[in-house]
């Protein structure tokens, strides 16, 4: 009988995404602004493309990548686009 791991599917857990700059397996940064940029780059999106998905201009995405997001509504949208839990984006 094959072993079942913690994923319950008999397959190894997924590896984290590779860093787009150095190619190593990277752990996403903790600061919200860096998390937004990290996930946008992980998905291969431009600021304009991410902005289109959530209904804002590219310069607003740039602001978020420098300062973070202060709207829970926008955080929920971004978490949905990135496929992550809201808490991962807004922190502890």
N, C-alpha and C. Protein backbone atom coordinates (compact mmCIF):
# COMPACT_ATOMS: atom_id res chain seq x y z
N UNK A 1 0.86 -1.17 0.00
CA UNK A 1 0.00 0.00 0.00
C UNK A 1 0.91 1.23 0.00
N UNK A 2 0.63 2.19 -0.89
CA UNK A 2 1.43 3.42 -0.98
C UNK A 2 1.18 4.31 0.22
N UNK A 3 2.17 5.11 0.52
CA UNK A 3 2.02 6.01 1.67
C UNK A 3 1.19 7.23 1.27
N UNK A 4 0.43 7.71 2.21
CA UNK A 4 -0.38 8.90 2.02
C UNK A 4 0.27 10.01 2.84
N UNK A 5 0.56 11.11 2.20
CA UNK A 5 1.19 12.21 2.93
C UNK A 5 0.12 13.12 3.53
N UNK A 6 0.56 14.23 4.10
CA UNK A 6 -0.37 15.14 4.76
C UNK A 6 -1.35 15.78 3.77
N UNK A 7 -1.03 15.74 2.48
CA UNK A 7 -1.94 16.27 1.48
C UNK A 7 -3.06 15.28 1.18
N UNK A 8 -2.85 14.02 1.58
CA UNK A 8 -3.89 13.01 1.43
C UNK A 8 -4.07 12.50 0.02
N UNK A 9 -3.18 12.84 -0.88
CA UNK A 9 -3.34 12.42 -2.27
C UNK A 9 -2.21 11.50 -2.72
N UNK A 10 -1.30 11.18 -1.84
CA UNK A 10 -0.21 10.31 -2.20
C UNK A 10 0.82 10.97 -3.10
N UNK A 11 0.83 12.27 -3.15
CA UNK A 11 1.79 13.00 -3.96
C UNK A 11 2.50 14.03 -3.08
N UNK A 12 3.67 14.48 -3.49
CA UNK A 12 4.37 15.46 -2.65
C UNK A 12 3.64 16.79 -2.64
N UNK A 13 3.81 17.58 -1.58
CA UNK A 13 3.17 18.88 -1.54
C UNK A 13 3.75 19.79 -2.62
N UNK A 14 2.99 20.77 -3.08
CA UNK A 14 3.50 21.66 -4.11
C UNK A 14 4.69 22.47 -3.61
N UNK A 15 5.64 22.73 -4.50
CA UNK A 15 6.78 23.55 -4.15
C UNK A 15 6.38 25.01 -4.23
N UNK A 16 7.00 25.85 -3.42
CA UNK A 16 6.71 27.28 -3.53
C UNK A 16 7.16 27.81 -4.89
N UNK A 17 6.60 28.91 -5.34
CA UNK A 17 7.02 29.45 -6.63
C UNK A 17 8.46 29.91 -6.59
N UNK A 18 9.10 29.92 -7.76
CA UNK A 18 10.48 30.39 -7.84
C UNK A 18 10.52 31.91 -7.88
N UNK A 19 11.59 32.45 -7.31
CA UNK A 19 11.84 33.88 -7.36
C UNK A 19 12.07 34.28 -8.81
N UNK A 20 11.35 35.30 -9.31
CA UNK A 20 11.52 35.67 -10.70
C UNK A 20 12.89 36.25 -11.01
N UNK A 21 13.60 36.74 -10.00
CA UNK A 21 14.90 37.35 -10.22
C UNK A 21 16.03 36.34 -10.21
N UNK A 22 16.08 35.52 -9.16
CA UNK A 22 17.23 34.63 -9.01
C UNK A 22 16.91 33.17 -9.31
N UNK A 23 15.64 32.80 -9.42
CA UNK A 23 15.26 31.43 -9.73
C UNK A 23 15.23 30.49 -8.55
N UNK A 24 15.58 30.98 -7.36
CA UNK A 24 15.53 30.11 -6.18
C UNK A 24 14.09 30.02 -5.69
N UNK A 25 13.82 29.00 -4.88
CA UNK A 25 12.50 28.89 -4.29
C UNK A 25 12.40 29.92 -3.18
N UNK A 26 11.53 30.87 -3.39
CA UNK A 26 11.45 32.02 -2.49
C UNK A 26 10.25 31.92 -1.57
N UNK A 27 10.39 32.49 -0.41
CA UNK A 27 9.29 32.63 0.52
C UNK A 27 8.79 34.07 0.36
N UNK A 28 7.49 34.26 0.15
CA UNK A 28 7.00 35.62 -0.05
C UNK A 28 7.35 36.54 1.11
N UNK A 29 7.65 37.79 0.83
CA UNK A 29 7.95 38.75 1.90
C UNK A 29 6.71 39.02 2.74
N UNK A 30 6.92 39.57 3.93
CA UNK A 30 5.82 39.73 4.87
C UNK A 30 5.11 41.09 4.76
N UNK A 31 5.79 42.09 4.36
CA UNK A 31 5.17 43.41 4.27
C UNK A 31 4.15 43.43 3.13
N UNK A 32 2.98 44.00 3.40
CA UNK A 32 1.87 43.95 2.44
C UNK A 32 2.26 44.50 1.06
N UNK A 33 2.93 45.61 1.00
CA UNK A 33 3.31 46.19 -0.28
C UNK A 33 4.21 45.23 -1.06
N UNK A 34 5.14 44.59 -0.36
CA UNK A 34 6.04 43.64 -1.01
C UNK A 34 5.29 42.38 -1.42
N UNK A 35 4.31 41.98 -0.63
CA UNK A 35 3.50 40.80 -0.97
C UNK A 35 2.74 41.04 -2.27
N UNK A 36 2.17 42.23 -2.40
CA UNK A 36 1.42 42.55 -3.62
C UNK A 36 2.34 42.47 -4.83
N UNK A 37 3.50 43.10 -4.73
CA UNK A 37 4.43 43.08 -5.86
C UNK A 37 4.91 41.66 -6.15
N UNK A 38 5.23 40.92 -5.09
CA UNK A 38 5.74 39.55 -5.25
C UNK A 38 4.72 38.67 -5.99
N UNK A 39 3.46 38.74 -5.58
CA UNK A 39 2.43 37.92 -6.22
C UNK A 39 2.13 38.40 -7.64
N UNK A 40 2.16 39.71 -7.87
CA UNK A 40 1.93 40.21 -9.22
C UNK A 40 3.02 39.68 -10.16
N UNK A 41 4.26 39.76 -9.72
CA UNK A 41 5.37 39.26 -10.54
C UNK A 41 5.31 37.74 -10.69
N UNK A 42 4.92 37.04 -9.64
CA UNK A 42 4.79 35.58 -9.69
C UNK A 42 3.80 35.17 -10.78
N UNK A 43 2.74 35.96 -10.93
CA UNK A 43 1.73 35.65 -11.93
C UNK A 43 2.08 36.20 -13.32
N UNK A 44 3.18 36.93 -13.41
CA UNK A 44 3.60 37.48 -14.69
C UNK A 44 2.74 38.64 -15.16
N UNK A 45 2.13 39.36 -14.23
CA UNK A 45 1.26 40.48 -14.58
C UNK A 45 2.01 41.80 -14.51
N UNK A 46 1.67 42.71 -15.39
CA UNK A 46 2.14 44.09 -15.27
C UNK A 46 1.25 44.80 -14.27
N UNK A 47 1.69 45.99 -13.85
CA UNK A 47 0.83 46.77 -12.97
C UNK A 47 -0.48 47.12 -13.67
N UNK A 48 -0.41 47.39 -14.96
CA UNK A 48 -1.62 47.72 -15.72
C UNK A 48 -2.57 46.52 -15.79
N UNK A 49 -2.01 45.33 -16.01
CA UNK A 49 -2.85 44.12 -16.11
C UNK A 49 -3.52 43.81 -14.77
N UNK A 50 -2.78 43.96 -13.67
CA UNK A 50 -3.39 43.74 -12.36
C UNK A 50 -4.45 44.80 -12.10
N UNK A 51 -4.15 46.04 -12.47
CA UNK A 51 -5.13 47.11 -12.30
C UNK A 51 -6.42 46.83 -13.04
N UNK A 52 -6.31 46.32 -14.26
CA UNK A 52 -7.51 45.98 -15.03
C UNK A 52 -8.35 44.93 -14.32
N UNK A 53 -7.68 43.98 -13.70
CA UNK A 53 -8.43 42.89 -13.02
C UNK A 53 -9.20 43.37 -11.80
N UNK A 54 -8.70 44.44 -11.17
CA UNK A 54 -9.39 44.94 -9.97
C UNK A 54 -10.03 46.31 -10.16
N UNK A 55 -9.97 46.84 -11.38
CA UNK A 55 -10.69 48.07 -11.69
C UNK A 55 -10.01 49.36 -11.29
N UNK A 56 -8.66 49.39 -11.33
CA UNK A 56 -7.93 50.62 -11.03
C UNK A 56 -6.87 50.84 -12.11
N UNK A 57 -6.26 52.00 -12.12
CA UNK A 57 -5.18 52.33 -13.06
C UNK A 57 -3.86 51.77 -12.55
N UNK A 58 -2.90 51.64 -13.47
CA UNK A 58 -1.59 51.09 -13.13
C UNK A 58 -0.90 51.89 -12.03
N UNK A 59 -1.06 53.21 -12.03
CA UNK A 59 -0.38 54.01 -11.01
C UNK A 59 -0.90 53.69 -9.60
N UNK A 60 -2.17 53.28 -9.49
CA UNK A 60 -2.70 52.89 -8.18
C UNK A 60 -2.04 51.61 -7.70
N UNK A 61 -1.82 50.66 -8.60
CA UNK A 61 -1.12 49.42 -8.24
C UNK A 61 0.29 49.76 -7.78
N UNK A 62 0.95 50.69 -8.47
CA UNK A 62 2.28 51.14 -8.06
C UNK A 62 2.26 51.73 -6.66
N UNK A 63 1.23 52.50 -6.36
CA UNK A 63 1.09 53.05 -4.99
C UNK A 63 0.96 51.93 -3.97
N UNK A 64 0.14 50.91 -4.28
CA UNK A 64 -0.03 49.80 -3.36
C UNK A 64 1.29 49.07 -3.13
N UNK A 65 2.10 48.96 -4.19
CA UNK A 65 3.37 48.25 -4.08
C UNK A 65 4.40 49.04 -3.29
N UNK A 66 4.15 50.32 -3.07
CA UNK A 66 5.03 51.13 -2.23
C UNK A 66 4.48 51.31 -0.82
N UNK A 67 3.15 51.43 -0.71
CA UNK A 67 2.54 51.83 0.56
C UNK A 67 1.55 50.83 1.14
N UNK A 68 1.16 49.82 0.39
CA UNK A 68 0.14 48.89 0.84
C UNK A 68 -1.25 49.39 0.50
N UNK A 69 -2.25 48.62 0.87
CA UNK A 69 -3.65 48.91 0.54
C UNK A 69 -4.40 49.18 1.84
N UNK A 70 -5.21 50.24 1.85
CA UNK A 70 -5.95 50.56 3.07
C UNK A 70 -7.43 50.21 2.97
N UNK A 71 -7.84 49.58 1.87
CA UNK A 71 -9.24 49.22 1.66
C UNK A 71 -9.42 47.70 1.77
N UNK A 72 -10.28 47.27 2.67
CA UNK A 72 -10.55 45.84 2.80
C UNK A 72 -11.16 45.28 1.52
N UNK A 73 -12.00 46.07 0.86
CA UNK A 73 -12.59 45.65 -0.41
C UNK A 73 -11.50 45.33 -1.43
N UNK A 74 -10.51 46.24 -1.57
CA UNK A 74 -9.43 46.01 -2.53
C UNK A 74 -8.56 44.84 -2.10
N UNK A 75 -8.33 44.68 -0.81
CA UNK A 75 -7.55 43.53 -0.32
C UNK A 75 -8.23 42.23 -0.70
N UNK A 76 -9.56 42.18 -0.57
CA UNK A 76 -10.30 40.97 -0.94
C UNK A 76 -10.17 40.70 -2.44
N UNK A 77 -10.26 41.76 -3.25
CA UNK A 77 -10.10 41.59 -4.69
C UNK A 77 -8.71 41.06 -5.02
N UNK A 78 -7.69 41.66 -4.44
CA UNK A 78 -6.31 41.23 -4.72
C UNK A 78 -6.08 39.80 -4.28
N UNK A 79 -6.56 39.45 -3.10
CA UNK A 79 -6.40 38.08 -2.61
C UNK A 79 -7.06 37.10 -3.57
N UNK A 80 -8.22 37.45 -4.11
CA UNK A 80 -8.91 36.60 -5.07
C UNK A 80 -8.12 36.44 -6.36
N UNK A 81 -7.58 37.54 -6.87
CA UNK A 81 -6.77 37.49 -8.10
C UNK A 81 -5.53 36.62 -7.87
N UNK A 82 -4.89 36.79 -6.72
CA UNK A 82 -3.66 36.06 -6.43
C UNK A 82 -3.90 34.62 -6.00
N UNK A 83 -5.14 34.30 -5.63
CA UNK A 83 -5.44 32.94 -5.18
C UNK A 83 -4.86 32.64 -3.81
N UNK A 84 -4.87 33.65 -2.94
CA UNK A 84 -4.33 33.50 -1.59
C UNK A 84 -5.40 33.84 -0.57
N UNK A 85 -5.17 33.48 0.67
CA UNK A 85 -6.09 33.82 1.74
C UNK A 85 -5.98 35.32 2.05
N UNK A 86 -7.10 35.93 2.39
CA UNK A 86 -7.11 37.35 2.73
C UNK A 86 -6.11 37.65 3.85
N UNK A 87 -6.04 36.78 4.85
CA UNK A 87 -5.12 37.01 5.97
C UNK A 87 -3.66 37.04 5.53
N UNK A 88 -3.32 36.32 4.47
CA UNK A 88 -1.94 36.36 3.98
C UNK A 88 -1.61 37.75 3.45
N UNK A 89 -2.61 38.43 2.93
CA UNK A 89 -2.39 39.76 2.36
C UNK A 89 -2.45 40.85 3.41
N UNK A 90 -3.37 40.76 4.36
CA UNK A 90 -3.52 41.84 5.34
C UNK A 90 -2.67 41.63 6.58
N UNK A 91 -2.08 40.48 6.73
CA UNK A 91 -1.19 40.25 7.87
C UNK A 91 -1.92 39.74 9.08
N UNK A 92 -1.22 39.80 10.16
CA UNK A 92 -1.72 39.19 11.41
C UNK A 92 -2.76 40.05 12.08
